[in-house]
C-alpha atoms as a PDB file:
ATOM      1  CA  MET A   1     -11.851  22.813  -4.407  1.00  0.00           C
ATOM      2  CA  ALA A   2      -8.256  21.676  -3.805  1.00  0.00           C
ATOM      3  CA  LYS A   3      -8.164  20.368  -7.377  1.00  0.00           C
ATOM      4  CA  ASN A   4      -9.148  23.783  -8.753  1.00  0.00           C
ATOM      5  CA  LEU A   5      -6.555  25.484  -6.575  1.00  0.00           C
ATOM      6  CA  TRP A   6      -3.815  23.194  -7.877  1.00  0.00           C
ATOM      7  CA  GLN A   7      -4.882  23.698 -11.495  1.00  0.00           C
ATOM      8  CA  ASN A   8      -4.928  27.488 -11.113  1.00  0.00           C
ATOM      9  CA  GLN A   9      -1.688  27.862  -9.155  1.00  0.00           C
ATOM     10  CA  THR A  10       0.761  25.417 -10.700  1.00  0.00           C
ATOM     11  CA  THR A  11       2.545  24.844 -13.977  1.00  0.00           C
ATOM     12  CA  VAL A  12       4.026  21.536 -12.822  1.00  0.00           C
ATOM     13  CA  SER A  13       2.186  18.470 -14.154  1.00  0.00           C
ATOM     14  CA  GLU A  14       4.534  15.810 -12.806  1.00  0.00           C
ATOM     15  CA  PHE A  15       7.405  15.269 -10.405  1.00  0.00           C
ATOM     16  CA  ILE A  16      10.654  13.340 -10.763  1.00  0.00           C
ATOM     17  CA  LEU A  17      11.536  11.086  -7.824  1.00  0.00           C
ATOM     18  CA  LEU A  18      15.333  10.993  -7.704  1.00  0.00           C
ATOM     19  CA  GLY A  19      15.255   7.958  -5.419  1.00  0.00           C
ATOM     20  CA  PHE A  20      18.695   6.562  -4.598  1.00  0.00           C
ATOM     21  CA  GLY A  21      20.446   8.493  -7.340  1.00  0.00           C
ATOM     22  CA  ASP A  22      21.894   7.300 -10.619  1.00  0.00           C
ATOM     23  CA  LEU A  23      22.818   3.746  -9.646  1.00  0.00           C
ATOM     24  CA  ALA A  24      22.076   1.855 -12.862  1.00  0.00           C
ATOM     25  CA  GLU A  25      24.176  -1.165 -11.861  1.00  0.00           C
ATOM     26  CA  LEU A  26      22.220  -1.536  -8.587  1.00  0.00           C
ATOM     27  CA  GLN A  27      18.708  -1.136  -9.993  1.00  0.00           C
ATOM     28  CA  VAL A  28      18.061  -4.862 -10.471  1.00  0.00           C
ATOM     29  CA  PRO A  29      19.526  -5.943  -7.075  1.00  0.00           C
ATOM     30  CA  LEU A  30      17.596  -3.177  -5.315  1.00  0.00           C
ATOM     31  CA  PHE A  31      14.413  -4.127  -7.168  1.00  0.00           C
ATOM     32  CA  LEU A  32      14.750  -7.786  -6.123  1.00  0.00           C
ATOM     33  CA  LEU A  33      15.581  -6.837  -2.527  1.00  0.00           C
ATOM     34  CA  PHE A  34      12.606  -4.501  -2.128  1.00  0.00           C
ATOM     35  CA  LEU A  35      10.304  -6.926  -3.963  1.00  0.00           C
ATOM     36  CA  VAL A  36      11.130  -9.672  -1.450  1.00  0.00           C
ATOM     37  CA  ILE A  37      10.667  -7.224   1.429  1.00  0.00           C
ATOM     38  CA  TYR A  38       7.294  -6.122   0.044  1.00  0.00           C
ATOM     39  CA  LEU A  39       6.028  -9.681  -0.450  1.00  0.00           C
ATOM     40  CA  VAL A  40       7.157 -10.724   3.045  1.00  0.00           C
ATOM     41  CA  THR A  41       5.577  -7.591   4.537  1.00  0.00           C
ATOM     42  CA  ILE A  42       2.222  -8.104   2.834  1.00  0.00           C
ATOM     43  CA  ALA A  43       2.135 -11.857   3.525  1.00  0.00           C
ATOM     44  CA  GLY A  44       3.069 -11.472   7.205  1.00  0.00           C
ATOM     45  CA  ASN A  45       0.702  -8.608   7.958  1.00  0.00           C
ATOM     46  CA  LEU A  46      -2.288  -9.995   6.043  1.00  0.00           C
ATOM     47  CA  LEU A  47      -1.802 -13.343   7.789  1.00  0.00           C
ATOM     48  CA  ILE A  48      -2.127 -11.593  11.159  1.00  0.00           C
ATOM     49  CA  VAL A  49      -5.239  -9.699  10.006  1.00  0.00           C
ATOM     50  CA  LEU A  50      -6.900 -12.898   8.764  1.00  0.00           C
ATOM     51  CA  LEU A  51      -6.064 -14.782  11.959  1.00  0.00           C
ATOM     52  CA  VAL A  52      -7.415 -12.005  14.178  1.00  0.00           C
ATOM     53  CA  VAL A  53     -10.653 -11.868  12.170  1.00  0.00           C
ATOM     54  CA  ALA A  54     -11.132 -15.636  11.787  1.00  0.00           C
ATOM     55  CA  ASP A  55     -10.106 -16.992  15.193  1.00  0.00           C
ATOM     56  CA  ARG A  56     -12.480 -16.158  18.048  1.00  0.00           C
ATOM     57  CA  HIS A  57      -9.717 -16.829  20.607  1.00  0.00           C
ATOM     58  CA  LEU A  58      -7.963 -13.715  19.284  1.00  0.00           C
ATOM     59  CA  HIS A  59     -11.001 -11.459  19.700  1.00  0.00           C
ATOM     60  CA  THR A  60      -9.387  -9.538  22.548  1.00  0.00           C
ATOM     61  CA  PRO A  61      -8.195  -5.902  22.804  1.00  0.00           C
ATOM     62  CA  MET A  62      -4.539  -6.902  22.402  1.00  0.00           C
ATOM     63  CA  TYR A  63      -5.101  -8.718  19.132  1.00  0.00           C
ATOM     64  CA  PHE A  64      -7.593  -6.112  17.974  1.00  0.00           C
ATOM     65  CA  PHE A  65      -4.769  -3.550  18.174  1.00  0.00           C
ATOM     66  CA  LEU A  66      -2.355  -5.966  16.479  1.00  0.00           C
ATOM     67  CA  GLY A  67      -4.854  -6.521  13.671  1.00  0.00           C
ATOM     68  CA  ASN A  68      -5.150  -2.759  13.204  1.00  0.00           C
ATOM     69  CA  LEU A  69      -1.369  -2.399  13.162  1.00  0.00           C
ATOM     70  CA  SER A  70      -0.943  -5.182  10.607  1.00  0.00           C
ATOM     71  CA  PHE A  71      -3.629  -3.721   8.338  1.00  0.00           C
ATOM     72  CA  LEU A  72      -1.990  -0.304   8.664  1.00  0.00           C
ATOM     73  CA  GLU A  73       1.475  -1.686   7.844  1.00  0.00           C
ATOM     74  CA  SER A  74       0.110  -3.433   4.742  1.00  0.00           C
ATOM     75  CA  CYS A  75      -1.400  -0.150   3.566  1.00  0.00           C
ATOM     76  CA  CYS A  76       1.781   1.797   4.367  1.00  0.00           C
ATOM     77  CA  SER A  77       3.987  -0.584   2.374  1.00  0.00           C
ATOM     78  CA  SER A  78       1.500  -0.558  -0.510  1.00  0.00           C
ATOM     79  CA  THR A  79       1.582   3.239  -0.528  1.00  0.00           C
ATOM     80  CA  VAL A  80       5.360   3.481  -0.923  1.00  0.00           C
ATOM     81  CA  LEU A  81       6.900   0.277  -2.282  1.00  0.00           C
ATOM     82  CA  PRO A  82       4.936  -0.448  -5.511  1.00  0.00           C
ATOM     83  CA  LYS A  83       5.892   2.923  -7.006  1.00  0.00           C
ATOM     84  CA  MET A  84       9.482   2.479  -5.845  1.00  0.00           C
ATOM     85  CA  LEU A  85       9.590  -0.980  -7.444  1.00  0.00           C
ATOM     86  CA  SER A  86       8.125   0.386 -10.680  1.00  0.00           C
ATOM     87  CA  ASN A  87      10.745   3.139 -10.801  1.00  0.00           C
ATOM     88  CA  LEU A  88      13.585   0.668 -10.159  1.00  0.00           C
ATOM     89  CA  LEU A  89      12.325  -1.784 -12.784  1.00  0.00           C
ATOM     90  CA  THR A  90      11.585   0.667 -15.597  1.00  0.00           C
ATOM     91  CA  GLY A  91      14.065   3.403 -14.790  1.00  0.00           C
ATOM     92  CA  ARG A  92      11.248   5.934 -15.136  1.00  0.00           C
ATOM     93  CA  LYS A  93      11.163   8.110 -12.040  1.00  0.00           C
ATOM     94  CA  ILE A  94       8.144  10.185 -12.972  1.00  0.00           C
ATOM     95  CA  ILE A  95       5.020  10.497 -10.832  1.00  0.00           C
ATOM     96  CA  SER A  96       2.044  12.627 -11.816  1.00  0.00           C
ATOM     97  CA  PHE A  97       1.164  15.699  -9.796  1.00  0.00           C
ATOM     98  CA  LYS A  98      -2.114  14.177  -8.603  1.00  0.00           C
ATOM     99  CA  SER A  99      -0.580  10.788  -7.758  1.00  0.00           C
ATOM    100  CA  CYS A 100       2.188  12.491  -5.824  1.00  0.00           C
ATOM    101  CA  PHE A 101      -0.176  14.244  -3.459  1.00  0.00           C
ATOM    102  CA  ILE A 102      -2.422  11.202  -3.097  1.00  0.00           C
ATOM    103  CA  GLN A 103       0.660   9.252  -2.007  1.00  0.00           C
ATOM    104  CA  TYR A 104       1.651  12.065   0.359  1.00  0.00           C
ATOM    105  CA  PHE A 105      -1.854  12.190   1.867  1.00  0.00           C
ATOM    106  CA  LEU A 106      -1.976   8.409   2.421  1.00  0.00           C
ATOM    107  CA  PHE A 107       1.522   8.254   3.882  1.00  0.00           C
ATOM    108  CA  ALA A 108       0.883  11.140   6.302  1.00  0.00           C
ATOM    109  CA  CYS A 109      -2.427   9.559   7.337  1.00  0.00           C
ATOM    110  CA  LEU A 110      -0.924   6.122   7.975  1.00  0.00           C
ATOM    111  CA  GLY A 111       2.176   7.528   9.681  1.00  0.00           C
ATOM    112  CA  GLY A 112       0.140   9.711  12.049  1.00  0.00           C
ATOM    113  CA  THR A 113      -2.171   6.802  12.838  1.00  0.00           C
ATOM    114  CA  GLU A 114       0.696   4.427  13.588  1.00  0.00           C
ATOM    115  CA  CYS A 115       2.355   6.872  15.989  1.00  0.00           C
ATOM    116  CA  TYR A 116      -0.715   6.894  18.227  1.00  0.00           C
ATOM    117  CA  LEU A 117      -1.646   3.242  17.656  1.00  0.00           C
ATOM    118  CA  LEU A 118       1.750   2.059  18.931  1.00  0.00           C
ATOM    119  CA  SER A 119       1.291   4.088  22.109  1.00  0.00           C
ATOM    120  CA  MET A 120      -2.236   2.648  22.569  1.00  0.00           C
ATOM    121  CA  MET A 121      -0.784  -0.852  22.237  1.00  0.00           C
ATOM    122  CA  SER A 122       1.894  -0.138  24.838  1.00  0.00           C
ATOM    123  CA  TYR A 123      -0.781   1.205  27.213  1.00  0.00           C
ATOM    124  CA  ASP A 124      -2.791  -1.975  26.666  1.00  0.00           C
ATOM    125  CA  ARG A 125       0.257  -4.104  27.590  1.00  0.00           C
ATOM    126  CA  TYR A 126       0.908  -1.885  30.629  1.00  0.00           C
ATOM    127  CA  LEU A 127      -2.622  -2.517  31.923  1.00  0.00           C
ATOM    128  CA  ALA A 128      -2.395  -6.259  31.198  1.00  0.00           C
ATOM    129  CA  ILE A 129       0.894  -6.715  33.059  1.00  0.00           C
ATOM    130  CA  CYS A 130       0.834  -4.015  35.739  1.00  0.00           C
ATOM    131  CA  GLU A 131      -2.933  -3.957  36.441  1.00  0.00           C
ATOM    132  CA  PRO A 132      -4.012  -7.563  35.685  1.00  0.00           C
ATOM    133  CA  LEU A 133      -6.925  -7.611  38.145  1.00  0.00           C
ATOM    134  CA  ARG A 134      -8.476  -4.484  36.626  1.00  0.00           C
ATOM    135  CA  TYR A 135      -7.498  -5.131  33.007  1.00  0.00           C
ATOM    136  CA  VAL A 136     -10.853  -6.541  31.881  1.00  0.00           C
ATOM    137  CA  VAL A 137     -12.660  -3.531  33.362  1.00  0.00           C
ATOM    138  CA  LEU A 138     -10.229  -0.868  32.146  1.00  0.00           C
ATOM    139  CA  MET A 139      -9.539  -2.257  28.667  1.00  0.00           C
ATOM    140  CA  ASN A 140     -12.859  -3.595  27.418  1.00  0.00           C
ATOM    141  CA  ARG A 141     -13.834  -3.967  23.762  1.00  0.00           C
ATOM    142  CA  LYS A 142     -15.632  -0.628  23.639  1.00  0.00           C
ATOM    143  CA  PHE A 143     -12.671   1.298  25.048  1.00  0.00           C
ATOM    144  CA  SER A 144     -10.153  -0.461  22.783  1.00  0.00           C
ATOM    145  CA  PHE A 145     -12.346   0.359  19.778  1.00  0.00           C
ATOM    146  CA  GLN A 146     -12.501   4.015  20.863  1.00  0.00           C
ATOM    147  CA  LEU A 147      -8.692   4.160  21.193  1.00  0.00           C
ATOM    148  CA  ALA A 148      -8.267   2.703  17.708  1.00  0.00           C
ATOM    149  CA  VAL A 149     -10.773   5.201  16.272  1.00  0.00           C
ATOM    150  CA  VAL A 150      -8.881   8.081  17.933  1.00  0.00           C
ATOM    151  CA  SER A 151      -5.662   6.846  16.306  1.00  0.00           C
ATOM    152  CA  TRP A 152      -7.201   6.635  12.812  1.00  0.00           C
ATOM    153  CA  VAL A 153      -9.065   9.953  13.114  1.00  0.00           C
ATOM    154  CA  SER A 154      -5.845  11.657  14.279  1.00  0.00           C
ATOM    155  CA  GLY A 155      -4.013  10.333  11.228  1.00  0.00           C
ATOM    156  CA  VAL A 156      -6.742  11.502   8.864  1.00  0.00           C
ATOM    157  CA  PHE A 157      -6.766  14.915  10.545  1.00  0.00           C
ATOM    158  CA  VAL A 158      -3.021  15.531  10.220  1.00  0.00           C
ATOM    159  CA  SER A 159      -2.842  14.312   6.609  1.00  0.00           C
ATOM    160  CA  THR A 160      -5.891  16.325   5.552  1.00  0.00           C
ATOM    161  CA  THR A 161      -4.541  19.480   7.190  1.00  0.00           C
ATOM    162  CA  LEU A 162      -1.083  19.183   5.631  1.00  0.00           C
ATOM    163  CA  THR A 163      -2.397  18.199   2.193  1.00  0.00           C
ATOM    164  CA  LEU A 164      -4.780  21.169   2.162  1.00  0.00           C
ATOM    165  CA  LYS A 165      -1.922  23.487   3.098  1.00  0.00           C
ATOM    166  CA  VAL A 166       0.126  22.071   0.220  1.00  0.00           C
ATOM    167  CA  SER A 167      -2.816  22.598  -2.135  1.00  0.00           C
ATOM    168  CA  TRP A 168      -2.706  26.329  -1.402  1.00  0.00           C
ATOM    169  CA  LEU A 169       0.902  26.579  -2.628  1.00  0.00           C
ATOM    170  CA  SER A 170       2.044  27.294  -6.181  1.00  0.00           C
ATOM    171  CA  PHE A 171       4.330  24.826  -7.961  1.00  0.00           C
ATOM    172  CA  CYS A 172       6.107  26.300 -10.930  1.00  0.00           C
ATOM    173  CA  GLY A 173       9.382  24.375 -10.828  1.00  0.00           C
ATOM    174  CA  PRO A 174      11.780  22.774 -10.232  1.00  0.00           C
ATOM    175  CA  ASN A 175       9.956  19.443 -10.125  1.00  0.00           C
ATOM    176  CA  GLU A 176      12.618  17.100  -8.706  1.00  0.00           C
ATOM    177  CA  ILE A 177      11.952  15.449  -5.322  1.00  0.00           C
ATOM    178  CA  ASP A 178      15.135  14.054  -3.812  1.00  0.00           C
ATOM    179  CA  HIS A 179      13.451  11.009  -2.288  1.00  0.00           C
ATOM    180  CA  TYR A 180      12.183   7.553  -3.241  1.00  0.00           C
ATOM    181  CA  PHE A 181       8.555   8.466  -2.491  1.00  0.00           C
ATOM    182  CA  CYS A 182       6.521  11.634  -2.702  1.00  0.00           C
ATOM    183  CA  ASP A 183       7.482  13.233   0.594  1.00  0.00           C
ATOM    184  CA  VAL A 184       7.346  16.918  -0.283  1.00  0.00           C
ATOM    185  CA  THR A 185       8.030  18.054   3.288  1.00  0.00           C
ATOM    186  CA  SER A 186      11.820  18.200   3.056  1.00  0.00           C
ATOM    187  CA  ASP A 187      11.969  19.779  -0.420  1.00  0.00           C
ATOM    188  CA  ILE A 188       8.913  22.026  -0.202  1.00  0.00           C
ATOM    189  CA  ARG A 189      10.836  25.330  -0.212  1.00  0.00           C
ATOM    190  CA  TYR A 190      12.675  24.245  -3.378  1.00  0.00           C
ATOM    191  CA  LEU A 191       9.573  22.878  -5.107  1.00  0.00           C
ATOM    192  CA  SER A 192       7.158  25.720  -4.432  1.00  0.00           C
ATOM    193  CA  CYS A 193       7.395  29.327  -5.578  1.00  0.00           C
ATOM    194  CA  SER A 194       5.040  30.401  -2.750  1.00  0.00           C
ATOM    195  CA  ASP A 195       5.790  31.248   0.852  1.00  0.00           C
ATOM    196  CA  THR A 196       6.028  27.819   2.543  1.00  0.00           C
ATOM    197  CA  THR A 197       6.436  29.100   6.120  1.00  0.00           C
ATOM    198  CA  SER A 198       2.931  28.116   7.217  1.00  0.00           C
ATOM    199  CA  PHE A 199       3.234  24.596   5.814  1.00  0.00           C
ATOM    200  CA  GLU A 200       6.699  24.037   7.297  1.00  0.00           C
ATOM    201  CA  LEU A 201       5.582  25.287  10.712  1.00  0.00           C
ATOM    202  CA  SER A 202       2.496  23.067  10.654  1.00  0.00           C
ATOM    203  CA  SER A 203       4.604  20.078   9.583  1.00  0.00           C
ATOM    204  CA  LEU A 204       7.068  20.696  12.428  1.00  0.00           C
ATOM    205  CA  ILE A 205       4.297  21.042  15.023  1.00  0.00           C
ATOM    206  CA  PHE A 206       2.498  17.894  13.837  1.00  0.00           C
ATOM    207  CA  THR A 207       5.764  15.936  13.806  1.00  0.00           C
ATOM    208  CA  PHE A 208       6.443  16.980  17.389  1.00  0.00           C
ATOM    209  CA  VAL A 209       2.884  16.251  18.594  1.00  0.00           C
ATOM    210  CA  PHE A 210       2.614  12.915  16.785  1.00  0.00           C
ATOM    211  CA  THR A 211       6.018  11.525  17.764  1.00  0.00           C
ATOM    212  CA  LEU A 212       7.334  12.832  21.092  1.00  0.00           C
ATOM    213  CA  PRO A 213       4.234  12.451  23.364  1.00  0.00           C
ATOM    214  CA  PRO A 214       3.338   8.952  22.030  1.00  0.00           C
ATOM    215  CA  PHE A 215       6.977   7.876  22.328  1.00  0.00           C
ATOM    216  CA  VAL A 216       7.217   9.149  25.915  1.00  0.00           C
ATOM    217  CA  LEU A 217       3.950   7.354  26.791  1.00  0.00           C
ATOM    218  CA  THR A 218       5.259   4.162  25.172  1.00  0.00           C
ATOM    219  CA  LEU A 219       8.596   4.465  26.963  1.00  0.00           C
ATOM    220  CA  LEU A 220       6.953   5.030  30.358  1.00  0.00           C
ATOM    221  CA  SER A 221       4.605   2.083  29.766  1.00  0.00           C
ATOM    222  CA  TYR A 222       7.470  -0.270  28.981  1.00  0.00           C
ATOM    223  CA  ILE A 223       9.557   0.987  31.914  1.00  0.00           C
ATOM    224  CA  SER A 224       6.631   0.131  34.205  1.00  0.00           C
ATOM    225  CA  ILE A 225       6.270  -3.233  32.476  1.00  0.00           C
ATOM    226  CA  ILE A 226       9.984  -4.025  32.910  1.00  0.00           C
ATOM    227  CA  VAL A 227       9.805  -3.089  36.606  1.00  0.00           C
ATOM    228  CA  SER A 228       6.859  -5.468  37.019  1.00  0.00           C
ATOM    229  CA  ILE A 229       8.711  -8.193  35.112  1.00  0.00           C
ATOM    230  CA  LEU A 230      11.709  -7.922  37.433  1.00  0.00           C
ATOM    231  CA  ARG A 231       9.393  -8.811  40.310  1.00  0.00           C
ATOM    232  CA  ILE A 232       8.469 -12.148  38.710  1.00  0.00           C
ATOM    233  CA  SER A 233       9.889 -14.959  40.870  1.00  0.00           C
ATOM    234  CA  SER A 234      10.285 -17.439  38.001  1.00  0.00           C
ATOM    235  CA  THR A 235      13.592 -16.882  36.188  1.00  0.00           C
ATOM    236  CA  THR A 236      12.295 -18.512  33.003  1.00  0.00           C
ATOM    237  CA  GLY A 237       9.104 -16.423  33.003  1.00  0.00           C
ATOM    238  CA  ARG A 238      11.081 -13.261  33.716  1.00  0.00           C
ATOM    239  CA  GLN A 239      13.525 -13.914  30.854  1.00  0.00           C
ATOM    240  CA  LYS A 240      10.714 -14.717  28.398  1.00  0.00           C
ATOM    241  CA  ALA A 241       8.682 -11.610  29.311  1.00  0.00           C
ATOM    242  CA  PHE A 242      11.771  -9.388  29.271  1.00  0.00           C
ATOM    243  CA  SER A 243      12.812 -10.739  25.848  1.00  0.00           C
ATOM    244  CA  THR A 244       9.352  -9.990  24.414  1.00  0.00           C
ATOM    245  CA  CYS A 245       9.153  -6.468  25.863  1.00  0.00           C
ATOM    246  CA  SER A 246      12.723  -5.569  24.905  1.00  0.00           C
ATOM    247  CA  SER A 247      12.087  -6.586  21.282  1.00  0.00           C
ATOM    248  CA  HIS A 248       8.852  -4.538  21.249  1.00  0.00           C
ATOM    249  CA  LEU A 249      10.630  -1.525  22.711  1.00  0.00           C
ATOM    250  CA  THR A 250      13.519  -1.840  20.239  1.00  0.00           C
ATOM    251  CA  VAL A 251      11.191  -1.759  17.224  1.00  0.00           C
ATOM    252  CA  VAL A 252       9.129   1.105  18.679  1.00  0.00           C
ATOM    253  CA  ALA A 253      12.260   3.136  19.498  1.00  0.00           C
ATOM    254  CA  LEU A 254      13.565   2.489  15.984  1.00  0.00           C
ATOM    255  CA  TYR A 255      10.300   3.681  14.456  1.00  0.00           C
ATOM    256  CA  TYR A 256       9.856   6.840  16.561  1.00  0.00           C
ATOM    257  CA  GLY A 257      13.585   7.630  16.629  1.00  0.00           C
ATOM    258  CA  THR A 258      14.112   7.580  12.869  1.00  0.00           C
ATOM    259  CA  LEU A 259      10.820   9.426  12.288  1.00  0.00           C
ATOM    260  CA  MET A 260      11.865  12.238  14.635  1.00  0.00           C
ATOM    261  CA  LEU A 261      15.362  12.424  13.134  1.00  0.00           C
ATOM    262  CA  VAL A 262      13.993  12.765   9.602  1.00  0.00           C
ATOM    263  CA  TYR A 263      11.343  15.389  10.302  1.00  0.00           C
ATOM    264  CA  LEU A 264      12.862  17.356  13.185  1.00  0.00           C
ATOM    265  CA  LEU A 265      16.406  17.691  11.809  1.00  0.00           C
ATOM    266  CA  PRO A 266      17.127  20.957   9.949  1.00  0.00           C
ATOM    267  CA  ARG A 267      15.996  20.946   6.319  1.00  0.00           C
ATOM    268  CA  SER A 268      19.350  20.886   4.567  1.00  0.00           C
ATOM    269  CA  LYS A 269      20.504  19.449   1.261  1.00  0.00           C
ATOM    270  CA  ASN A 270      23.569  18.078   3.084  1.00  0.00           C
ATOM    271  CA  LEU A 271      21.337  15.824   5.223  1.00  0.00           C
ATOM    272  CA  THR A 272      19.164  14.542   2.379  1.00  0.00           C
ATOM    273  CA  GLU A 273      20.990  11.235   1.878  1.00  0.00           C
ATOM    274  CA  VAL A 274      21.077  10.569   5.620  1.00  0.00           C
ATOM    275  CA  LYS A 275      17.344  11.219   5.885  1.00  0.00           C
ATOM    276  CA  LYS A 276      16.613   8.857   2.984  1.00  0.00           C
ATOM    277  CA  VAL A 277      18.488   6.064   4.752  1.00  0.00           C
ATOM    278  CA  PHE A 278      16.646   6.732   8.014  1.00  0.00           C
ATOM    279  CA  SER A 279      13.339   6.828   6.119  1.00  0.00           C
ATOM    280  CA  LEU A 280      13.870   3.202   5.088  1.00  0.00           C
ATOM    281  CA  PHE A 281      13.491   2.160   8.725  1.00  0.00           C
ATOM    282  CA  TYR A 282       9.912   3.389   9.161  1.00  0.00           C
ATOM    283  CA  THR A 283       8.712   2.881   5.573  1.00  0.00           C
ATOM    284  CA  VAL A 284      10.301  -0.504   4.811  1.00  0.00           C
ATOM    285  CA  LEU A 285      11.911  -2.183   7.821  1.00  0.00           C
ATOM    286  CA  THR A 286       9.347  -1.820  10.633  1.00  0.00           C
ATOM    287  CA  PRO A 287       6.340  -2.858   8.473  1.00  0.00           C
ATOM    288  CA  MET A 288       8.240  -6.059   7.640  1.00  0.00           C
ATOM    289  CA  VAL A 289       9.431  -6.973  11.157  1.00  0.00           C
ATOM    290  CA  ASN A 290       6.344  -5.932  13.149  1.00  0.00           C
ATOM    291  CA  PRO A 291       4.347  -9.129  12.392  1.00  0.00           C
ATOM    292  CA  PHE A 292       7.285 -11.254  13.560  1.00  0.00           C
ATOM    293  CA  ILE A 293       8.101  -9.170  16.628  1.00  0.00           C
ATOM    294  CA  TYR A 294       4.541  -8.578  17.864  1.00  0.00           C
ATOM    295  CA  SER A 295       2.621 -11.602  16.658  1.00  0.00           C
ATOM    296  CA  LEU A 296       4.293 -14.587  15.015  1.00  0.00           C
ATOM    297  CA  ARG A 297       6.518 -15.214  18.061  1.00  0.00           C
ATOM    298  CA  ASN A 298       3.410 -15.325  20.232  1.00  0.00           C
ATOM    299  CA  MET A 299       2.206 -18.779  21.299  1.00  0.00           C
ATOM    300  CA  GLU A 300      -1.478 -17.786  21.043  1.00  0.00           C
ATOM    301  CA  VAL A 301      -0.979 -16.652  17.448  1.00  0.00           C
ATOM    302  CA  LYS A 302       0.917 -19.846  16.602  1.00  0.00           C
ATOM    303  CA  GLU A 303      -1.885 -21.934  18.112  1.00  0.00           C
ATOM    304  CA  ALA A 304      -4.504 -19.905  16.215  1.00  0.00           C
ATOM    305  CA  LEU A 305      -2.567 -20.556  12.995  1.00  0.00           C
ATOM    306  CA  ARG A 306      -2.547 -24.299  13.730  1.00  0.00           C
ATOM    307  CA  ARG A 307      -6.306 -24.254  14.377  1.00  0.00           C
ATOM    308  CA  GLN A 308      -7.009 -22.468  11.111  1.00  0.00           C
ATOM    309  CA  LEU A 309      -4.747 -24.850   9.186  1.00  0.00           C
ATOM    310  CA  ARG A 310      -6.608 -27.803  10.706  1.00  0.00           C
ATOM    311  CA  ILE A 311      -9.940 -26.242   9.706  1.00  0.00           C
ATOM    312  CA  ILE A 312      -8.689 -25.686   6.143  1.00  0.00           C
ATOM    313  CA  SER A 313      -7.270 -29.216   5.999  1.00  0.00           C
ATOM    314  CA  THR A 314     -10.574 -30.711   7.200  1.00  0.00           C
ATOM    315  CA  PHE A 315     -12.538 -28.640   4.688  1.00  0.00           C
ATOM    316  CA  LEU A 316     -10.282 -29.746   1.830  1.00  0.00           C
ATOM    317  CA  ARG A 317     -10.633 -33.406   2.782  1.00  0.00           C
ATOM    318  CA  GLU A 318     -14.430 -33.124   3.017  1.00  0.00           C
ATOM    319  CA  TRP A 319     -14.560 -31.270  -0.299  1.00  0.00           C
ATOM    320  CA  HIS A 320     -12.247 -33.764  -1.973  1.00  0.00           C
ATOM    321  CA  SER A 321     -14.122 -36.919  -0.823  1.00  0.00           C
ATOM    322  CA  PRO A 322     -17.309 -36.308  -2.903  1.00  0.00           C
ATOM    323  CA  LEU A 323     -15.145 -35.661  -5.965  1.00  0.00           C
ATOM    324  CA  LEU A 324     -13.436 -39.050  -5.534  1.00  0.00           C
ATOM    325  CA  PHE A 325     -16.875 -40.675  -5.145  1.00  0.00           C
ATOM    326  CA  LEU A 326     -18.089 -39.049  -8.367  1.00  0.00           C
ATOM    327  CA  LYS A 327     -15.057 -40.331 -10.243  1.00  0.00           C
END
């Protein structure tokens, strides 16, 4: 139905992603930079997903949430960066009408999901540190699964709603999106020749609901965690726990803060460049650093990695021995 609506109401068949402007001399350096970031992001996040699935010691609510986050970050980077890399490499900044809205749908879905998933993770850490005796009862596998499902369903709901609202608009030019991915939210009143009030209002409401309450919940959780940490008698244990929580809170604040700045600031052409820079934090930076901040600094994850490497090494030796015998 949405497809028919788009075909009947638009004369635009493709969009032009202006990206970072006409910076021909920086295209190759930017391509190499973002390629490295993408490869590191995918490798780091998929490693966490594989470890969480393969190692039974990580089959706990905490690592279940981390596995979800890593999978989500891999998908988020794969939604935005490959097209950006293609545009930087070829110089062609064109994206088809259909591809544009598929990218928008996926990004809105993953962004909405991550907002709630991060708050669920902070609540899990709050229970583990502030309510250790009741943690197993309060945060069991069933409840953690339900929280993850709520996060994913919320993301699907917001992206479906916004994409349907966009499908009811007419697009008859111009077709330039002043961004490096197909985020039509900021430029919608310039792109569409329909009344965009309903879409803009819905986008504002969803941005508020999906960023401020989860951020406040996350902030309150970490404040409670820090208070509990300060009561730890061991100086070494207190410093280690505080270092971990402060790094978590920094990344979370960076993610929510830049997201709110981009989507709650007034829609003005004068702020476009600023918003593009801020967008890099939640589309490029946080997906890359999250595996290192949340997981790869964790001793349990490091030990799980060692166990899996030993298993692989043993398998390779056992597989290689018969081949030597045959020779």
